[in-house]
Amino acid sequence: MNHRGIEFTVAKTAIPGIWQWQFRIGEQVKSGKTETKIDLLAIRRVQLRIDRELKRSAGQPEPGG
């Protein structure tokens, strides 16, 4: 999948309701897990994480911090 030019993957794990995700921005690889029963919500959470990382890499402060 692609979000804002960043390729990412979201895959089910052996544990129901747990999704594994990964993406790369430049040389930095980010990966993790999210818990939800809804596949589209898991994808959306990764997209939001990509947005945060893109803002951080652009040097913009995060809201509330």
C-alpha atoms as a PDB file:
ATOM      1  CA  MET A   1       0.000   0.000   0.000  1.00  0.00           C
ATOM      2  CA  ASN A   2       1.037   3.603  -0.418  1.00  0.00           C
ATOM      3  CA  HIS A   3       0.303   6.724   1.634  1.00  0.00           C
ATOM      4  CA  ARG A   4       1.803  10.099   0.692  1.00  0.00           C
ATOM      5  CA  GLY A   5       4.456   8.349  -1.382  1.00  0.00           C
ATOM      6  CA  ILE A   6       5.467   6.004   1.456  1.00  0.00           C
ATOM      7  CA  GLU A   7       5.102   2.270   0.875  1.00  0.00           C
ATOM      8  CA  PHE A   8       3.746   0.388   3.871  1.00  0.00           C
ATOM      9  CA  THR A   9       2.472  -3.047   4.801  1.00  0.00           C
ATOM     10  CA  VAL A  10      -0.210  -4.155   7.226  1.00  0.00           C
ATOM     11  CA  ALA A  11      -0.661  -7.873   7.877  1.00  0.00           C
ATOM     12  CA  LYS A  12      -2.658 -10.071  10.224  1.00  0.00           C
ATOM     13  CA  THR A  13      -0.704 -11.979  12.820  1.00  0.00           C
ATOM     14  CA  ALA A  14      -1.464 -15.422  14.244  1.00  0.00           C
ATOM     15  CA  ILE A  15      -3.210 -13.652  17.142  1.00  0.00           C
ATOM     16  CA  PRO A  16      -6.754 -12.540  16.217  1.00  0.00           C
ATOM     17  CA  GLY A  17      -7.186  -8.772  16.266  1.00  0.00           C
ATOM     18  CA  ILE A  18      -3.443  -8.020  16.135  1.00  0.00           C
ATOM     19  CA  TRP A  19      -1.954  -6.451  13.008  1.00  0.00           C
ATOM     20  CA  GLN A  20       1.727  -6.027  12.188  1.00  0.00           C
ATOM     21  CA  TRP A  21       2.795  -2.980  10.168  1.00  0.00           C
ATOM     22  CA  GLN A  22       5.970  -1.591   8.632  1.00  0.00           C
ATOM     23  CA  PHE A  23       7.070   1.380   6.559  1.00  0.00           C
ATOM     24  CA  ARG A  24      10.280   3.134   5.561  1.00  0.00           C
ATOM     25  CA  ILE A  25      11.054   6.845   5.364  1.00  0.00           C
ATOM     26  CA  GLY A  26      14.508   7.327   3.886  1.00  0.00           C
ATOM     27  CA  GLU A  27      16.872   4.974   5.687  1.00  0.00           C
ATOM     28  CA  GLN A  28      14.648   4.709   8.755  1.00  0.00           C
ATOM     29  CA  VAL A  29      12.385   1.654   9.032  1.00  0.00           C
ATOM     30  CA  LYS A  30       9.444   1.833  11.428  1.00  0.00           C
ATOM     31  CA  SER A  31       7.472  -1.226  12.461  1.00  0.00           C
ATOM     32  CA  GLY A  32       5.052  -2.237  15.137  1.00  0.00           C
ATOM     33  CA  LYS A  33       1.729  -3.791  15.988  1.00  0.00           C
ATOM     34  CA  THR A  34      -1.770  -2.454  16.475  1.00  0.00           C
ATOM     35  CA  GLU A  35      -4.828  -4.062  17.998  1.00  0.00           C
ATOM     36  CA  THR A  36      -8.180  -3.873  16.230  1.00  0.00           C
ATOM     37  CA  LYS A  37     -10.676  -6.268  14.686  1.00  0.00           C
ATOM     38  CA  ILE A  38     -11.224  -3.960  11.702  1.00  0.00           C
ATOM     39  CA  ASP A  39      -8.666  -4.122   8.889  1.00  0.00           C
ATOM     40  CA  LEU A  40      -9.431  -0.605   7.613  1.00  0.00           C
ATOM     41  CA  LEU A  41      -8.817   0.824  11.082  1.00  0.00           C
ATOM     42  CA  ALA A  42      -5.426  -0.880  11.232  1.00  0.00           C
ATOM     43  CA  ILE A  43      -4.551   0.676   7.863  1.00  0.00           C
ATOM     44  CA  ARG A  44      -5.743   4.114   8.993  1.00  0.00           C
ATOM     45  CA  ARG A  45      -3.632   3.927  12.135  1.00  0.00           C
ATOM     46  CA  VAL A  46      -0.524   3.239  10.052  1.00  0.00           C
ATOM     47  CA  GLN A  47      -1.387   6.146   7.756  1.00  0.00           C
ATOM     48  CA  LEU A  48      -1.657   8.455  10.768  1.00  0.00           C
ATOM     49  CA  ARG A  49       1.699   7.188  12.035  1.00  0.00           C
ATOM     50  CA  ILE A  50       3.242   7.921   8.624  1.00  0.00           C
ATOM     51  CA  ASP A  51       1.811  11.460   8.775  1.00  0.00           C
ATOM     52  CA  ARG A  52       3.383  12.002  12.225  1.00  0.00           C
ATOM     53  CA  GLU A  53       6.758  10.707  11.068  1.00  0.00           C
ATOM     54  CA  LEU A  54       6.699  12.880   7.935  1.00  0.00           C
ATOM     55  CA  LYS A  55       5.951  15.957  10.043  1.00  0.00           C
ATOM     56  CA  ARG A  56       8.728  15.033  12.480  1.00  0.00           C
ATOM     57  CA  SER A  57      11.227  14.549   9.655  1.00  0.00           C
ATOM     58  CA  ALA A  58      10.230  17.939   8.207  1.00  0.00           C
ATOM     59  CA  GLY A  59      11.096  19.549  11.536  1.00  0.00           C
ATOM     60  CA  GLN A  60       7.564  20.597  12.434  1.00  0.00           C
ATOM     61  CA  PRO A  61       6.593  20.270  16.097  1.00  0.00           C
ATOM     62  CA  GLU A  62       3.847  17.822  16.945  1.00  0.00           C
ATOM     63  CA  PRO A  63       0.588  19.202  18.370  1.00  0.00           C
ATOM     64  CA  GLY A  64       0.674  19.361  22.131  1.00  0.00           C
ATOM     65  CA  GLY A  65       4.396  18.900  22.313  1.00  0.00           C
END
